[in-house]
Amino acid sequence: MTVQHEAHTGGAGEGGELLEVWIDQDLCTGDGICVQYAPEVFELDIDGLAYVKSGEDELLQEAGASTPVPLPLLQDVVDSAKECPGDCIHVRRVSDRVEVYGPDAE
């Protein structure tokens, strides 16, 4: 299974839970740290802000748009959330939408 296919079908976190990631563009500082960690998941747009990408590599610009976290990229996505100066990257379980990594994680 390729990373792009897994991204399309959904990735799993600890315990096999499906995880998704989204970016709050209102808080994004445009530093691009997320793109450095996981360019398969994040991209800076012409407006200088970061967005998530679909499994088909399409930039998702709708407010609150999310994309599955591919298992092979989970640690890179988590590191992106931890290092983000804007605290704008949110990783949550798909099943109950509870944030597991990011500024609102329990």
PDB file of N, CA and C in Angstrom:
ATOM      1  N   MET A   1       0.854  -1.175   0.000  1.00  0.00           N
ATOM      2  CA  MET A   1       0.000   0.000   0.000  1.00  0.00           C
ATOM      3  C   MET A   1       0.896   1.233   0.000  1.00  0.00           C
ATOM      4  N   THR A   2       0.650   2.161  -0.902  1.00  0.00           N
ATOM      5  CA  THR A   2       1.456   3.374  -0.963  1.00  0.00           C
ATOM      6  C   THR A   2       0.995   4.363   0.102  1.00  0.00           C
ATOM      7  N   VAL A   3       1.848   5.332   0.402  1.00  0.00           N
ATOM      8  CA  VAL A   3       1.486   6.360   1.377  1.00  0.00           C
ATOM      9  C   VAL A   3       0.259   7.121   0.897  1.00  0.00           C
ATOM     10  N   GLN A   4       0.221   7.465  -0.387  1.00  0.00           N
ATOM     11  CA  GLN A   4      -0.927   8.211  -0.905  1.00  0.00           C
ATOM     12  C   GLN A   4      -2.204   7.383  -0.797  1.00  0.00           C
ATOM     13  N   HIS A   5      -2.129   6.069  -1.067  1.00  0.00           N
ATOM     14  CA  HIS A   5      -3.320   5.235  -0.941  1.00  0.00           C
ATOM     15  C   HIS A   5      -3.751   5.146   0.512  1.00  0.00           C
ATOM     16  N   GLU A   6      -2.787   4.989   1.405  1.00  0.00           N
ATOM     17  CA  GLU A   6      -3.137   4.914   2.823  1.00  0.00           C
ATOM     18  C   GLU A   6      -3.721   6.239   3.290  1.00  0.00           C
ATOM     19  N   ALA A   7      -3.193   7.345   2.768  1.00  0.00           N
ATOM     20  CA  ALA A   7      -3.735   8.656   3.136  1.00  0.00           C
ATOM     21  C   ALA A   7      -5.185   8.766   2.689  1.00  0.00           C
ATOM     22  N   HIS A   8      -5.472   8.197   1.532  1.00  0.00           N
ATOM     23  CA  HIS A   8      -6.836   8.261   1.021  1.00  0.00           C
ATOM     24  C   HIS A   8      -7.776   7.376   1.838  1.00  0.00           C
ATOM     25  N   THR A   9      -7.316   6.228   2.232  1.00  0.00           N
ATOM     26  CA  THR A   9      -8.191   5.300   2.936  1.00  0.00           C
ATOM     27  C   THR A   9      -8.182   5.519   4.440  1.00  0.00           C
ATOM     28  N   GLY A  10      -7.239   6.314   4.917  1.00  0.00           N
ATOM     29  CA  GLY A  10      -7.205   6.625   6.343  1.00  0.00           C
ATOM     30  C   GLY A  10      -6.022   5.978   7.027  1.00  0.00           C
ATOM     31  N   GLY A  11      -5.456   6.705   7.958  1.00  0.00           N
ATOM     32  CA  GLY A  11      -4.327   6.192   8.710  1.00  0.00           C
ATOM     33  C   GLY A  11      -4.780   5.827  10.107  1.00  0.00           C
ATOM     34  N   ALA A  12      -3.949   5.107  10.802  1.00  0.00           N
ATOM     35  CA  ALA A  12      -4.289   4.676  12.153  1.00  0.00           C
ATOM     36  C   ALA A  12      -3.262   5.183  13.135  1.00  0.00           C
ATOM     37  N   GLY A  13      -3.728   5.546  14.286  1.00  0.00           N
ATOM     38  CA  GLY A  13      -2.840   5.971  15.356  1.00  0.00           C
ATOM     39  C   GLY A  13      -2.650   4.839  16.338  1.00  0.00           C
ATOM     40  N   GLU A  14      -2.263   5.203  17.537  1.00  0.00           N
ATOM     41  CA  GLU A  14      -2.073   4.202  18.577  1.00  0.00           C
ATOM     42  C   GLU A  14      -3.388   3.473  18.825  1.00  0.00           C
ATOM     43  N   GLY A  15      -3.318   2.174  18.986  1.00  0.00           N
ATOM     44  CA  GLY A  15      -4.517   1.385  19.238  1.00  0.00           C
ATOM     45  C   GLY A  15      -5.359   1.165  17.996  1.00  0.00           C
ATOM     46  N   GLY A  16      -4.847   1.514  16.825  1.00  0.00           N
ATOM     47  CA  GLY A  16      -5.575   1.291  15.589  1.00  0.00           C
ATOM     48  C   GLY A  16      -6.649   2.315  15.297  1.00  0.00           C
ATOM     49  N   GLU A  17      -6.740   3.375  16.117  1.00  0.00           N
ATOM     50  CA  GLU A  17      -7.738   4.417  15.879  1.00  0.00           C
ATOM     51  C   GLU A  17      -7.408   5.193  14.613  1.00  0.00           C
ATOM     52  N   LEU A  18      -8.401   5.485  13.787  1.00  0.00           N
ATOM     53  CA  LEU A  18      -8.190   6.333  12.630  1.00  0.00           C
ATOM     54  C   LEU A  18      -8.038   7.775  13.098  1.00  0.00           C
ATOM     55  N   LEU A  19      -7.025   8.459  12.554  1.00  0.00           N
ATOM     56  CA  LEU A  19      -6.760   9.844  12.928  1.00  0.00           C
ATOM     57  C   LEU A  19      -6.851  10.739  11.703  1.00  0.00           C
ATOM     58  N   GLU A  20      -7.223  12.000  11.951  1.00  0.00           N
ATOM     59  CA  GLU A  20      -7.239  13.006  10.892  1.00  0.00           C
ATOM     60  C   GLU A  20      -6.589  14.267  11.434  1.00  0.00           C
ATOM     61  N   VAL A  21      -6.137  15.123  10.534  1.00  0.00           N
ATOM     62  CA  VAL A  21      -5.475  16.361  10.922  1.00  0.00           C
ATOM     63  C   VAL A  21      -6.119  17.528  10.181  1.00  0.00           C
ATOM     64  N   TRP A  22      -6.172  18.660  10.856  1.00  0.00           N
ATOM     65  CA  TRP A  22      -6.661  19.888  10.237  1.00  0.00           C
ATOM     66  C   TRP A  22      -5.864  21.064  10.795  1.00  0.00           C
ATOM     67  N   ILE A  23      -5.892  22.174  10.071  1.00  0.00           N
ATOM     68  CA  ILE A  23      -5.154  23.377  10.455  1.00  0.00           C
ATOM     69  C   ILE A  23      -6.139  24.529  10.613  1.00  0.00           C
ATOM     70  N   ASP A  24      -5.980  25.271  11.706  1.00  0.00           N
ATOM     71  CA  ASP A  24      -6.755  26.494  11.919  1.00  0.00           C
ATOM     72  C   ASP A  24      -5.966  27.636  11.278  1.00  0.00           C
ATOM     73  N   GLN A  25      -6.364  28.032  10.066  1.00  0.00           N
ATOM     74  CA  GLN A  25      -5.630  29.073   9.344  1.00  0.00           C
ATOM     75  C   GLN A  25      -5.656  30.425  10.061  1.00  0.00           C
ATOM     76  N   ASP A  26      -6.626  30.660  10.924  1.00  0.00           N
ATOM     77  CA  ASP A  26      -6.666  31.921  11.678  1.00  0.00           C
ATOM     78  C   ASP A  26      -5.471  32.038  12.622  1.00  0.00           C
ATOM     79  N   LEU A  27      -4.877  30.908  13.008  1.00  0.00           N
ATOM     80  CA  LEU A  27      -3.738  30.903  13.922  1.00  0.00           C
ATOM     81  C   LEU A  27      -2.413  30.617  13.221  1.00  0.00           C
ATOM     82  N   CYS A  28      -2.467  30.224  11.957  1.00  0.00           N
ATOM     83  CA  CYS A  28      -1.267  29.841  11.221  1.00  0.00           C
ATOM     84  C   CYS A  28      -0.347  31.053  11.048  1.00  0.00           C
ATOM     85  N   THR A  29       0.940  30.851  11.370  1.00  0.00           N
ATOM     86  CA  THR A  29       1.943  31.918  11.231  1.00  0.00           C
ATOM     87  C   THR A  29       2.705  31.806   9.917  1.00  0.00           C
ATOM     88  N   GLY A  30       2.472  30.754   9.153  1.00  0.00           N
ATOM     89  CA  GLY A  30       3.117  30.592   7.860  1.00  0.00           C
ATOM     90  C   GLY A  30       4.591  30.245   7.918  1.00  0.00           C
ATOM     91  N   ASP A  31       5.053  29.730   9.049  1.00  0.00           N
ATOM     92  CA  ASP A  31       6.464  29.374   9.198  1.00  0.00           C
ATOM     93  C   ASP A  31       6.859  28.185   8.325  1.00  0.00           C
ATOM     94  N   GLY A  32       5.940  27.319   8.005  1.00  0.00           N
ATOM     95  CA  GLY A  32       6.220  26.186   7.135  1.00  0.00           C
ATOM     96  C   GLY A  32       6.891  25.008   7.808  1.00  0.00           C
ATOM     97  N   ILE A  33       6.939  25.015   9.125  1.00  0.00           N
ATOM     98  CA  ILE A  33       7.553  23.891   9.842  1.00  0.00           C
ATOM     99  C   ILE A  33       6.807  22.597   9.526  1.00  0.00           C
ATOM    100  N   CYS A  34       5.501  22.670   9.434  1.00  0.00           N
ATOM    101  CA  CYS A  34       4.708  21.473   9.139  1.00  0.00           C
ATOM    102  C   CYS A  34       5.070  20.897   7.772  1.00  0.00           C
ATOM    103  N   VAL A  35       5.306  21.763   6.811  1.00  0.00           N
ATOM    104  CA  VAL A  35       5.668  21.311   5.468  1.00  0.00           C
ATOM    105  C   VAL A  35       7.041  20.647   5.489  1.00  0.00           C
ATOM    106  N   GLN A  36       7.937  21.152   6.326  1.00  0.00           N
ATOM    107  CA  GLN A  36       9.264  20.537   6.441  1.00  0.00           C
ATOM    108  C   GLN A  36       9.150  19.130   7.026  1.00  0.00           C
ATOM    109  N   TYR A  37       8.280  18.953   8.010  1.00  0.00           N
ATOM    110  CA  TYR A  37       8.113  17.643   8.642  1.00  0.00           C
ATOM    111  C   TYR A  37       7.337  16.660   7.762  1.00  0.00           C
ATOM    112  N   ALA A  38       6.259  17.106   7.162  1.00  0.00           N
ATOM    113  CA  ALA A  38       5.371  16.190   6.426  1.00  0.00           C
ATOM    114  C   ALA A  38       4.827  16.849   5.151  1.00  0.00           C
ATOM    115  N   PRO A  39       5.675  16.996   4.132  1.00  0.00           N
ATOM    116  CA  PRO A  39       5.214  17.639   2.890  1.00  0.00           C
ATOM    117  C   PRO A  39       4.133  16.843   2.155  1.00  0.00           C
ATOM    118  N   GLU A  40       3.982  15.560   2.498  1.00  0.00           N
ATOM    119  CA  GLU A  40       2.920  14.757   1.884  1.00  0.00           C
ATOM    120  C   GLU A  40       1.550  15.126   2.447  1.00  0.00           C
ATOM    121  N   VAL A  41       1.524  15.776   3.615  1.00  0.00           N
ATOM    122  CA  VAL A  41       0.267  16.097   4.301  1.00  0.00           C
ATOM    123  C   VAL A  41      -0.027  17.600   4.291  1.00  0.00           C
ATOM    124  N   PHE A  42       1.025  18.427   4.381  1.00  0.00           N
ATOM    125  CA  PHE A  42       0.866  19.879   4.498  1.00  0.00           C
ATOM    126  C   PHE A  42       1.484  20.603   3.314  1.00  0.00           C
ATOM    127  N   GLU A  43       0.926  21.785   3.006  1.00  0.00           N
ATOM    128  CA  GLU A  43       1.479  22.620   1.937  1.00  0.00           C
ATOM    129  C   GLU A  43       1.162  24.082   2.239  1.00  0.00           C
ATOM    130  N   LEU A  44       2.126  24.957   1.924  1.00  0.00           N
ATOM    131  CA  LEU A  44       1.877  26.391   2.020  1.00  0.00           C
ATOM    132  C   LEU A  44       1.245  26.844   0.716  1.00  0.00           C
ATOM    133  N   ASP A  45       0.214  27.668   0.823  1.00  0.00           N
ATOM    134  CA  ASP A  45      -0.465  28.193  -0.361  1.00  0.00           C
ATOM    135  C   ASP A  45       0.083  29.577  -0.684  1.00  0.00           C
ATOM    136  N   ILE A  46      -0.377  30.144  -1.750  1.00  0.00           N
ATOM    137  CA  ILE A  46       0.070  31.461  -2.188  1.00  0.00           C
ATOM    138  C   ILE A  46      -0.216  32.544  -1.146  1.00  0.00           C
ATOM    139  N   ASP A  47      -1.207  32.306  -0.276  1.00  0.00           N
ATOM    140  CA  ASP A  47      -1.533  33.277   0.775  1.00  0.00           C
ATOM    141  C   ASP A  47      -0.556  33.205   1.953  1.00  0.00           C
ATOM    142  N   GLY A  48       0.407  32.268   1.886  1.00  0.00           N
ATOM    143  CA  GLY A  48       1.415  32.142   2.925  1.00  0.00           C
ATOM    144  C   GLY A  48       0.995  31.291   4.110  1.00  0.00           C
ATOM    145  N   LEU A  49      -0.195  30.707   4.045  1.00  0.00           N
ATOM    146  CA  LEU A  49      -0.696  29.878   5.140  1.00  0.00           C
ATOM    147  C   LEU A  49      -0.612  28.400   4.779  1.00  0.00           C
ATOM    148  N   ALA A  50      -0.550  27.558   5.801  1.00  0.00           N
ATOM    149  CA  ALA A  50      -0.477  26.114   5.595  1.00  0.00           C
ATOM    150  C   ALA A  50      -1.875  25.511   5.522  1.00  0.00           C
ATOM    151  N   TYR A  51      -1.990  24.480   4.699  1.00  0.00           N
ATOM    152  CA  TYR A  51      -3.227  23.733   4.527  1.00  0.00           C
ATOM    153  C   TYR A  51      -2.888  22.253   4.485  1.00  0.00           C
ATOM    154  N   VAL A  52      -3.873  21.412   4.752  1.00  0.00           N
ATOM    155  CA  VAL A  52      -3.693  19.974   4.589  1.00  0.00           C
ATOM    156  C   VAL A  52      -4.012  19.608   3.144  1.00  0.00           C
ATOM    157  N   LYS A  53      -3.519  18.432   2.745  1.00  0.00           N
ATOM    158  CA  LYS A  53      -3.761  17.939   1.395  1.00  0.00           C
ATOM    159  C   LYS A  53      -4.523  16.623   1.467  1.00  0.00           C
ATOM    160  N   SER A  54      -5.302  16.369   0.454  1.00  0.00           N
ATOM    161  CA  SER A  54      -6.038  15.109   0.356  1.00  0.00           C
ATOM    162  C   SER A  54      -5.070  13.995  -0.029  1.00  0.00           C
ATOM    163  N   GLY A  55      -5.540  12.773   0.009  1.00  0.00           N
ATOM    164  CA  GLY A  55      -4.751  11.633  -0.418  1.00  0.00           C
ATOM    165  C   GLY A  55      -4.373  11.695  -1.888  1.00  0.00           C
ATOM    166  N   GLU A  56      -5.094  12.513  -2.650  1.00  0.00           N
ATOM    167  CA  GLU A  56      -4.794  12.697  -4.071  1.00  0.00           C
ATOM    168  C   GLU A  56      -3.906  13.922  -4.293  1.00  0.00           C
ATOM    169  N   ASP A  57      -3.316  14.457  -3.209  1.00  0.00           N
ATOM    170  CA  ASP A  57      -2.385  15.585  -3.260  1.00  0.00           C
ATOM    171  C   ASP A  57      -3.078  16.911  -3.599  1.00  0.00           C
ATOM    172  N   GLU A  58      -4.382  16.992  -3.356  1.00  0.00           N
ATOM    173  CA  GLU A  58      -5.147  18.213  -3.615  1.00  0.00           C
ATOM    174  C   GLU A  58      -5.161  19.070  -2.352  1.00  0.00           C
ATOM    175  N   LEU A  59      -4.868  20.364  -2.510  1.00  0.00           N
ATOM    176  CA  LEU A  59      -4.886  21.306  -1.392  1.00  0.00           C
ATOM    177  C   LEU A  59      -6.324  21.512  -0.935  1.00  0.00           C
ATOM    178  N   LEU A  60      -6.578  21.332   0.360  1.00  0.00           N
ATOM    179  CA  LEU A  60      -7.934  21.473   0.915  1.00  0.00           C
ATOM    180  C   LEU A  60      -8.021  22.824   1.610  1.00  0.00           C
ATOM    181  N   GLN A  61      -8.659  23.786   0.958  1.00  0.00           N
ATOM    182  CA  GLN A  61      -8.671  25.163   1.450  1.00  0.00           C
ATOM    183  C   GLN A  61      -9.933  25.554   2.204  1.00  0.00           C
ATOM    184  N   GLU A  62     -10.884  24.661   2.314  1.00  0.00           N
ATOM    185  CA  GLU A  62     -12.097  24.986   3.054  1.00  0.00           C
ATOM    186  C   GLU A  62     -11.756  25.092   4.539  1.00  0.00           C
ATOM    187  N   ALA A  63     -12.401  26.025   5.236  1.00  0.00           N
ATOM    188  CA  ALA A  63     -12.161  26.183   6.677  1.00  0.00           C
ATOM    189  C   ALA A  63     -12.486  24.879   7.397  1.00  0.00           C
ATOM    190  N   GLY A  64     -11.558  24.400   8.218  1.00  0.00           N
ATOM    191  CA  GLY A  64     -11.767  23.178   8.982  1.00  0.00           C
ATOM    192  C   GLY A  64     -11.590  21.891   8.205  1.00  0.00           C
ATOM    193  N   ALA A  65     -11.128  21.986   6.948  1.00  0.00           N
ATOM    194  CA  ALA A  65     -10.930  20.776   6.146  1.00  0.00           C
ATOM    195  C   ALA A  65      -9.905  19.876   6.815  1.00  0.00           C
ATOM    196  N   SER A  66     -10.187  18.589   6.831  1.00  0.00           N
ATOM    197  CA  SER A  66      -9.274  17.634   7.452  1.00  0.00           C
ATOM    198  C   SER A  66      -8.893  16.559   6.445  1.00  0.00           C
ATOM    199  N   THR A  67      -7.822  15.849   6.772  1.00  0.00           N
ATOM    200  CA  THR A  67      -7.363  14.751   5.939  1.00  0.00           C
ATOM    201  C   THR A  67      -6.876  13.625   6.844  1.00  0.00           C
ATOM    202  N   PRO A  68      -7.018  12.381   6.416  1.00  0.00           N
ATOM    203  CA  PRO A  68      -6.522  11.267   7.226  1.00  0.00           C
ATOM    204  C   PRO A  68      -5.013  11.357   7.428  1.00  0.00           C
ATOM    205  N   VAL A  69      -4.552  10.898   8.579  1.00  0.00           N
ATOM    206  CA  VAL A  69      -3.123  10.848   8.874  1.00  0.00           C
ATOM    207  C   VAL A  69      -2.610   9.463   8.474  1.00  0.00           C
ATOM    208  N   PRO A  70      -1.744   9.390   7.450  1.00  0.00           N
ATOM    209  CA  PRO A  70      -1.188   8.090   7.073  1.00  0.00           C
ATOM    210  C   PRO A  70      -0.292   7.556   8.187  1.00  0.00           C
ATOM    211  N   LEU A  71      -0.450   6.301   8.536  1.00  0.00           N
ATOM    212  CA  LEU A  71       0.323   5.710   9.618  1.00  0.00           C
ATOM    213  C   LEU A  71       1.829   5.928   9.466  1.00  0.00           C
ATOM    214  N   PRO A  72       2.406   5.764   8.268  1.00  0.00           N
ATOM    215  CA  PRO A  72       3.854   5.978   8.151  1.00  0.00           C
ATOM    216  C   PRO A  72       4.280   7.420   8.449  1.00  0.00           C
ATOM    217  N   LEU A  73       3.335   8.353   8.403  1.00  0.00           N
ATOM    218  CA  LEU A  73       3.654   9.763   8.631  1.00  0.00           C
ATOM    219  C   LEU A  73       3.150  10.268   9.979  1.00  0.00           C
ATOM    220  N   LEU A  74       2.626   9.385  10.803  1.00  0.00           N
ATOM    221  CA  LEU A  74       2.037   9.807  12.077  1.00  0.00           C
ATOM    222  C   LEU A  74       3.025  10.602  12.923  1.00  0.00           C
ATOM    223  N   GLN A  75       4.236  10.100  13.110  1.00  0.00           N
ATOM    224  CA  GLN A  75       5.196  10.800  13.960  1.00  0.00           C
ATOM    225  C   GLN A  75       5.556  12.166  13.379  1.00  0.00           C
ATOM    226  N   ASP A  76       5.665  12.269  12.053  1.00  0.00           N
ATOM    227  CA  ASP A  76       5.969  13.558  11.421  1.00  0.00           C
ATOM    228  C   ASP A  76       4.826  14.553  11.635  1.00  0.00           C
ATOM    229  N   VAL A  77       3.599  14.086  11.545  1.00  0.00           N
ATOM    230  CA  VAL A  77       2.442  14.957  11.768  1.00  0.00           C
ATOM    231  C   VAL A  77       2.380  15.385  13.233  1.00  0.00           C
ATOM    232  N   VAL A  78       2.630  14.459  14.149  1.00  0.00           N
ATOM    233  CA  VAL A  78       2.643  14.782  15.580  1.00  0.00           C
ATOM    234  C   VAL A  78       3.748  15.798  15.881  1.00  0.00           C
ATOM    235  N   ASP A  79       4.933  15.585  15.307  1.00  0.00           N
ATOM    236  CA  ASP A  79       6.027  16.540  15.510  1.00  0.00           C
ATOM    237  C   ASP A  79       5.664  17.911  14.954  1.00  0.00           C
ATOM    238  N   SER A  80       4.970  17.941  13.838  1.00  0.00           N
ATOM    239  CA  SER A  80       4.510  19.210  13.268  1.00  0.00           C
ATOM    240  C   SER A  80       3.602  19.943  14.248  1.00  0.00           C
ATOM    241  N   ALA A  81       2.673  19.202  14.836  1.00  0.00           N
ATOM    242  CA  ALA A  81       1.751  19.818  15.800  1.00  0.00           C
ATOM    243  C   ALA A  81       2.496  20.333  17.025  1.00  0.00           C
ATOM    244  N   LYS A  82       3.478  19.565  17.484  1.00  0.00           N
ATOM    245  CA  LYS A  82       4.237  19.969  18.676  1.00  0.00           C
ATOM    246  C   LYS A  82       5.115  21.187  18.415  1.00  0.00           C
ATOM    247  N   GLU A  83       5.700  21.280  17.225  1.00  0.00           N
ATOM    248  CA  GLU A  83       6.650  22.346  16.912  1.00  0.00           C
ATOM    249  C   GLU A  83       6.010  23.592  16.309  1.00  0.00           C
ATOM    250  N   CYS A  84       4.767  23.526  15.957  1.00  0.00           N
ATOM    251  CA  CYS A  84       4.093  24.651  15.293  1.00  0.00           C
ATOM    252  C   CYS A  84       4.059  25.885  16.201  1.00  0.00           C
ATOM    253  N   PRO A  85       4.656  26.998  15.767  1.00  0.00           N
ATOM    254  CA  PRO A  85       4.650  28.200  16.602  1.00  0.00           C
ATOM    255  C   PRO A  85       3.266  28.825  16.758  1.00  0.00           C
ATOM    256  N   GLY A  86       2.366  28.535  15.827  1.00  0.00           N
ATOM    257  CA  GLY A  86       1.016  29.085  15.904  1.00  0.00           C
ATOM    258  C   GLY A  86       0.037  28.204  16.661  1.00  0.00           C
ATOM    259  N   ASP A  87       0.484  27.019  17.097  1.00  0.00           N
ATOM    260  CA  ASP A  87      -0.411  26.059  17.757  1.00  0.00           C
ATOM    261  C   ASP A  87      -1.714  25.898  16.978  1.00  0.00           C
ATOM    262  N   CYS A  88      -1.574  25.681  15.676  1.00  0.00           N
ATOM    263  CA  CYS A  88      -2.771  25.625  14.831  1.00  0.00           C
ATOM    264  C   CYS A  88      -3.034  24.264  14.215  1.00  0.00           C
ATOM    265  N   ILE A  89      -2.190  23.264  14.509  1.00  0.00           N
ATOM    266  CA  ILE A  89      -2.352  21.933  13.923  1.00  0.00           C
ATOM    267  C   ILE A  89      -3.052  21.033  14.930  1.00  0.00           C
ATOM    268  N   HIS A  90      -4.146  20.436  14.492  1.00  0.00           N
ATOM    269  CA  HIS A  90      -4.989  19.615  15.354  1.00  0.00           C
ATOM    270  C   HIS A  90      -5.089  18.202  14.788  1.00  0.00           C
ATOM    271  N   VAL A  91      -4.745  17.211  15.593  1.00  0.00           N
ATOM    272  CA  VAL A  91      -4.870  15.804  15.203  1.00  0.00           C
ATOM    273  C   VAL A  91      -5.922  15.186  16.114  1.00  0.00           C
ATOM    274  N   ARG A  92      -6.941  14.603  15.502  1.00  0.00           N
ATOM    275  CA  ARG A  92      -8.034  14.046  16.295  1.00  0.00           C
ATOM    276  C   ARG A  92      -8.428  12.671  15.784  1.00  0.00           C
ATOM    277  N   ARG A  93      -9.079  11.923  16.682  1.00  0.00           N
ATOM    278  CA  ARG A  93      -9.633  10.623  16.289  1.00  0.00           C
ATOM    279  C   ARG A  93     -10.835  10.866  15.386  1.00  0.00           C
ATOM    280  N   VAL A  94     -10.969  10.059  14.378  1.00  0.00           N
ATOM    281  CA  VAL A  94     -12.098  10.178  13.469  1.00  0.00           C
ATOM    282  C   VAL A  94     -13.386   9.744  14.161  1.00  0.00           C
ATOM    283  N   SER A  95     -13.305   8.706  14.994  1.00  0.00           N
ATOM    284  CA  SER A  95     -14.500   8.106  15.592  1.00  0.00           C
ATOM    285  C   SER A  95     -15.290   9.073  16.467  1.00  0.00           C
ATOM    286  N   ASP A  96     -14.600   9.853  17.299  1.00  0.00           N
ATOM    287  CA  ASP A  96     -15.317  10.751  18.214  1.00  0.00           C
ATOM    288  C   ASP A  96     -14.848  12.204  18.133  1.00  0.00           C
ATOM    289  N   ARG A  97     -13.922  12.491  17.197  1.00  0.00           N
ATOM    290  CA  ARG A  97     -13.410  13.839  16.947  1.00  0.00           C
ATOM    291  C   ARG A  97     -12.711  14.450  18.165  1.00  0.00           C
ATOM    292  N   VAL A  98     -12.185  13.601  19.051  1.00  0.00           N
ATOM    293  CA  VAL A  98     -11.430  14.075  20.212  1.00  0.00           C
ATOM    294  C   VAL A  98      -9.997  14.318  19.778  1.00  0.00           C
ATOM    295  N   GLU A  99      -9.482  15.503  20.093  1.00  0.00           N
ATOM    296  CA  GLU A  99      -8.120  15.856  19.740  1.00  0.00           C
ATOM    297  C   GLU A  99      -7.135  15.081  20.602  1.00  0.00           C
ATOM    298  N   VAL A 100      -6.177  14.423  19.941  1.00  0.00           N
ATOM    299  CA  VAL A 100      -5.182  13.635  20.656  1.00  0.00           C
ATOM    300  C   VAL A 100      -3.794  14.265  20.614  1.00  0.00           C
ATOM    301  N   TYR A 101      -3.546  15.130  19.632  1.00  0.00           N
ATOM    302  CA  TYR A 101      -2.316  15.899  19.554  1.00  0.00           C
ATOM    303  C   TYR A 101      -2.685  17.305  19.080  1.00  0.00           C
ATOM    304  N   GLY A 102      -2.012  18.289  19.637  1.00  0.00           N
ATOM    305  CA  GLY A 102      -2.293  19.670  19.278  1.00  0.00           C
ATOM    306  C   GLY A 102      -2.675  20.487  20.485  1.00  0.00           C
ATOM    307  N   PRO A 103      -3.021  21.750  20.270  1.00  0.00           N
ATOM    308  CA  PRO A 103      -3.268  22.665  21.392  1.00  0.00           C
ATOM    309  C   PRO A 103      -4.460  22.302  22.272  1.00  0.00           C
ATOM    310  N   ASP A 104      -5.431  21.577  21.733  1.00  0.00           N
ATOM    311  CA  ASP A 104      -6.629  21.226  22.505  1.00  0.00           C
ATOM    312  C   ASP A 104      -6.622  19.770  22.974  1.00  0.00           C
ATOM    313  N   ALA A 105      -5.476  19.092  22.865  1.00  0.00           N
ATOM    314  CA  ALA A 105      -5.398  17.677  23.254  1.00  0.00           C
ATOM    315  C   ALA A 105      -5.586  17.524  24.742  1.00  0.00           C
ATOM    316  N   GLU A 106      -6.270  16.461  25.102  1.00  0.00           N
ATOM    317  CA  GLU A 106      -6.548  16.190  26.528  1.00  0.00           C
ATOM    318  C   GLU A 106      -5.347  15.564  27.196  1.00  0.00           C
TER     319      GLU A 106
END
